[in-house]
């Protein structure tokens, strides 16, 4: 993952769950930060979980979220 990636899943209440993958701070870094949260406008986004993964683990999580979790690629929410 060379660039930040957003995955979003809509909820019945009009909000959405999101997962944001952010590459490490140094170019070529093998670490990716994964941020999970929810957002119900106009409220501030809620960060539920944050962790660092190796690049291959992050790619596996992305696939699982899209195939099994109902998440879809999105433009940045905020």
N, C-alpha and C. Protein backbone atom coordinates (compact mmCIF):
# COMPACT_ATOMS: atom_id res chain seq x y z
N UNK A 1 0.84 -1.18 0.00
CA UNK A 1 0.00 0.00 0.00
C UNK A 1 0.88 1.24 0.00
N UNK A 2 0.91 1.88 -1.11
CA UNK A 2 1.75 3.06 -1.24
C UNK A 2 1.01 4.34 -0.82
N UNK A 3 -0.33 4.30 -0.86
CA UNK A 3 -1.13 5.48 -0.53
C UNK A 3 -2.18 5.10 0.51
N UNK A 4 -2.71 6.08 1.23
CA UNK A 4 -3.80 5.78 2.16
C UNK A 4 -5.00 5.18 1.41
N UNK A 5 -5.67 4.25 2.04
CA UNK A 5 -6.82 3.56 1.44
C UNK A 5 -7.98 3.60 2.43
N UNK A 6 -9.16 3.95 1.94
CA UNK A 6 -10.37 4.00 2.75
C UNK A 6 -11.33 2.92 2.30
N UNK A 7 -11.88 2.18 3.28
CA UNK A 7 -12.96 1.23 3.03
C UNK A 7 -14.14 1.66 3.90
N UNK A 8 -15.33 1.62 3.34
CA UNK A 8 -16.52 2.11 4.05
C UNK A 8 -17.66 1.11 3.89
N UNK A 9 -18.43 0.94 4.99
CA UNK A 9 -19.62 0.09 4.97
C UNK A 9 -20.78 0.90 5.55
N UNK A 10 -21.84 1.14 4.76
CA UNK A 10 -22.98 1.92 5.27
C UNK A 10 -23.73 1.17 6.37
N UNK A 11 -24.34 1.96 7.26
CA UNK A 11 -25.17 1.40 8.34
C UNK A 11 -26.61 1.85 8.15
N UNK A 12 -27.53 1.16 8.82
CA UNK A 12 -28.96 1.47 8.71
C UNK A 12 -29.33 2.84 9.28
N UNK A 13 -28.53 3.35 10.23
CA UNK A 13 -28.86 4.62 10.87
C UNK A 13 -28.38 5.84 10.08
N UNK A 14 -27.85 5.63 8.88
CA UNK A 14 -27.37 6.73 8.06
C UNK A 14 -25.89 7.00 8.20
N UNK A 15 -25.27 6.36 9.15
CA UNK A 15 -23.82 6.51 9.34
C UNK A 15 -23.08 5.43 8.58
N UNK A 16 -21.81 5.30 8.89
CA UNK A 16 -21.01 4.26 8.24
C UNK A 16 -19.88 3.82 9.16
N UNK A 17 -19.44 2.60 8.93
CA UNK A 17 -18.22 2.09 9.56
C UNK A 17 -17.11 2.29 8.54
N UNK A 18 -15.92 2.59 9.02
CA UNK A 18 -14.82 2.81 8.09
C UNK A 18 -13.55 2.13 8.58
N UNK A 19 -12.68 1.80 7.65
CA UNK A 19 -11.34 1.32 7.94
C UNK A 19 -10.41 2.12 7.03
N UNK A 20 -9.38 2.67 7.63
CA UNK A 20 -8.42 3.50 6.90
C UNK A 20 -7.04 2.86 7.05
N UNK A 21 -6.41 2.54 5.94
CA UNK A 21 -5.05 2.00 5.95
C UNK A 21 -4.10 3.12 5.57
N UNK A 22 -3.10 3.38 6.41
CA UNK A 22 -2.15 4.46 6.17
C UNK A 22 -0.74 3.88 6.17
N UNK A 23 0.00 4.04 5.07
CA UNK A 23 1.37 3.53 5.02
C UNK A 23 2.25 4.18 6.08
N UNK A 24 3.31 3.48 6.47
CA UNK A 24 4.25 3.99 7.46
C UNK A 24 4.86 5.32 7.05
N UNK A 25 5.45 6.03 8.01
CA UNK A 25 5.95 7.38 7.76
C UNK A 25 7.17 7.47 6.84
N UNK A 26 7.92 6.40 6.72
CA UNK A 26 9.10 6.45 5.86
C UNK A 26 8.83 5.72 4.55
N UNK A 27 9.32 6.25 3.43
CA UNK A 27 9.11 5.58 2.14
C UNK A 27 9.67 4.16 2.16
N UNK A 28 8.90 3.23 1.61
CA UNK A 28 9.33 1.84 1.58
C UNK A 28 9.12 1.10 2.88
N UNK A 29 8.47 1.73 3.84
CA UNK A 29 8.22 1.10 5.13
C UNK A 29 7.32 -0.12 4.96
N UNK A 30 7.61 -1.17 5.73
CA UNK A 30 6.81 -2.39 5.66
C UNK A 30 5.59 -2.31 6.58
N UNK A 31 5.50 -1.26 7.39
CA UNK A 31 4.41 -1.14 8.35
C UNK A 31 3.26 -0.30 7.78
N UNK A 32 2.04 -0.72 8.13
CA UNK A 32 0.82 -0.01 7.72
C UNK A 32 -0.05 0.17 8.96
N UNK A 33 -0.53 1.39 9.19
CA UNK A 33 -1.43 1.64 10.30
C UNK A 33 -2.86 1.40 9.83
N UNK A 34 -3.61 0.60 10.60
CA UNK A 34 -5.01 0.33 10.29
C UNK A 34 -5.87 1.01 11.36
N UNK A 35 -6.76 1.92 10.93
CA UNK A 35 -7.65 2.63 11.84
C UNK A 35 -9.09 2.22 11.54
N UNK A 36 -9.79 1.75 12.57
CA UNK A 36 -11.19 1.35 12.42
C UNK A 36 -12.06 2.29 13.23
N UNK A 37 -13.20 2.68 12.66
CA UNK A 37 -14.08 3.57 13.39
C UNK A 37 -15.46 3.65 12.77
N UNK A 38 -16.23 4.61 13.26
CA UNK A 38 -17.57 4.83 12.72
C UNK A 38 -17.81 6.34 12.61
N UNK A 39 -18.75 6.69 11.76
CA UNK A 39 -19.04 8.11 11.53
C UNK A 39 -20.53 8.27 11.27
N UNK A 40 -21.15 9.19 12.00
CA UNK A 40 -22.56 9.53 11.82
C UNK A 40 -22.64 11.06 11.76
N UNK A 41 -22.58 11.62 10.54
CA UNK A 41 -22.61 13.09 10.42
C UNK A 41 -23.86 13.67 11.10
N UNK A 42 -23.79 14.81 11.71
CA UNK A 42 -22.69 15.77 11.77
C UNK A 42 -21.74 15.54 12.94
N UNK A 43 -21.82 14.41 13.63
CA UNK A 43 -20.95 14.15 14.77
C UNK A 43 -19.51 13.93 14.31
N UNK A 44 -18.60 14.06 15.26
CA UNK A 44 -17.19 13.78 14.98
C UNK A 44 -17.02 12.27 14.77
N UNK A 45 -16.10 11.85 13.91
CA UNK A 45 -15.85 10.42 13.73
C UNK A 45 -15.35 9.79 15.03
N UNK A 46 -15.72 8.54 15.24
CA UNK A 46 -15.31 7.80 16.42
C UNK A 46 -14.25 6.78 16.01
N UNK A 47 -13.07 6.86 16.61
CA UNK A 47 -12.01 5.89 16.35
C UNK A 47 -12.17 4.75 17.35
N UNK A 48 -12.44 3.54 16.85
CA UNK A 48 -12.67 2.39 17.72
C UNK A 48 -11.40 1.60 17.99
N UNK A 49 -10.57 1.46 16.97
CA UNK A 49 -9.37 0.63 17.12
C UNK A 49 -8.30 1.13 16.17
N UNK A 50 -7.06 0.96 16.61
CA UNK A 50 -5.92 1.41 15.82
C UNK A 50 -4.78 0.43 16.06
N UNK A 51 -4.14 -0.05 14.98
CA UNK A 51 -3.03 -0.99 15.15
C UNK A 51 -2.08 -0.90 13.96
N UNK A 52 -0.88 -1.39 14.15
CA UNK A 52 0.12 -1.44 13.09
C UNK A 52 0.24 -2.86 12.60
N UNK A 53 0.28 -3.03 11.28
CA UNK A 53 0.40 -4.34 10.65
C UNK A 53 1.54 -4.32 9.64
N UNK A 54 2.07 -5.50 9.36
CA UNK A 54 3.00 -5.63 8.25
C UNK A 54 2.20 -5.47 6.96
N UNK A 55 2.86 -5.08 5.90
CA UNK A 55 2.18 -4.79 4.64
C UNK A 55 1.35 -5.98 4.15
N UNK A 56 1.88 -7.20 4.24
CA UNK A 56 1.13 -8.37 3.76
C UNK A 56 -0.08 -8.66 4.65
N UNK A 57 0.04 -8.43 5.96
CA UNK A 57 -1.10 -8.59 6.87
C UNK A 57 -2.19 -7.56 6.56
N UNK A 58 -1.78 -6.34 6.27
CA UNK A 58 -2.74 -5.28 5.94
C UNK A 58 -3.49 -5.62 4.65
N UNK A 59 -2.78 -6.16 3.67
CA UNK A 59 -3.41 -6.55 2.41
C UNK A 59 -4.42 -7.67 2.64
N UNK A 60 -4.08 -8.62 3.49
CA UNK A 60 -5.00 -9.71 3.83
C UNK A 60 -6.25 -9.16 4.53
N UNK A 61 -6.06 -8.25 5.48
CA UNK A 61 -7.20 -7.63 6.17
C UNK A 61 -8.09 -6.88 5.19
N UNK A 62 -7.49 -6.16 4.26
CA UNK A 62 -8.26 -5.43 3.25
C UNK A 62 -9.14 -6.37 2.45
N UNK A 63 -8.56 -7.48 2.01
CA UNK A 63 -9.34 -8.46 1.22
C UNK A 63 -10.49 -9.04 2.03
N UNK A 64 -10.21 -9.42 3.29
CA UNK A 64 -11.26 -9.99 4.14
C UNK A 64 -12.39 -8.99 4.38
N UNK A 65 -12.04 -7.74 4.65
CA UNK A 65 -13.06 -6.72 4.88
C UNK A 65 -13.93 -6.51 3.64
N UNK A 66 -13.33 -6.55 2.47
CA UNK A 66 -14.10 -6.35 1.24
C UNK A 66 -14.91 -7.59 0.87
N UNK A 67 -14.34 -8.77 1.02
CA UNK A 67 -15.04 -9.99 0.61
C UNK A 67 -16.08 -10.45 1.63
N UNK A 68 -15.74 -10.36 2.92
CA UNK A 68 -16.62 -10.91 3.95
C UNK A 68 -17.31 -9.85 4.80
N UNK A 69 -16.72 -8.66 4.89
CA UNK A 69 -17.26 -7.64 5.78
C UNK A 69 -18.19 -6.65 5.13
N UNK A 70 -18.32 -6.69 3.81
CA UNK A 70 -19.21 -5.76 3.12
C UNK A 70 -18.66 -4.36 2.93
N UNK A 71 -17.37 -4.18 3.10
CA UNK A 71 -16.74 -2.87 2.92
C UNK A 71 -16.45 -2.63 1.45
N UNK A 72 -16.51 -1.37 1.04
CA UNK A 72 -16.23 -0.96 -0.34
C UNK A 72 -15.22 0.18 -0.34
N UNK A 73 -14.42 0.24 -1.39
CA UNK A 73 -13.45 1.32 -1.53
C UNK A 73 -14.18 2.66 -1.57
N UNK A 74 -13.58 3.69 -0.97
CA UNK A 74 -14.23 5.00 -0.88
C UNK A 74 -13.20 6.12 -0.95
N UNK A 75 -13.68 7.29 -1.30
CA UNK A 75 -12.88 8.50 -1.15
C UNK A 75 -12.78 8.77 0.36
N UNK A 76 -11.78 9.55 0.80
CA UNK A 76 -11.67 9.87 2.23
C UNK A 76 -12.96 10.49 2.77
N UNK A 77 -13.36 10.07 3.97
CA UNK A 77 -14.60 10.58 4.58
C UNK A 77 -14.40 11.96 5.19
N UNK A 78 -13.22 12.20 5.70
CA UNK A 78 -12.96 13.48 6.38
C UNK A 78 -11.49 13.80 6.27
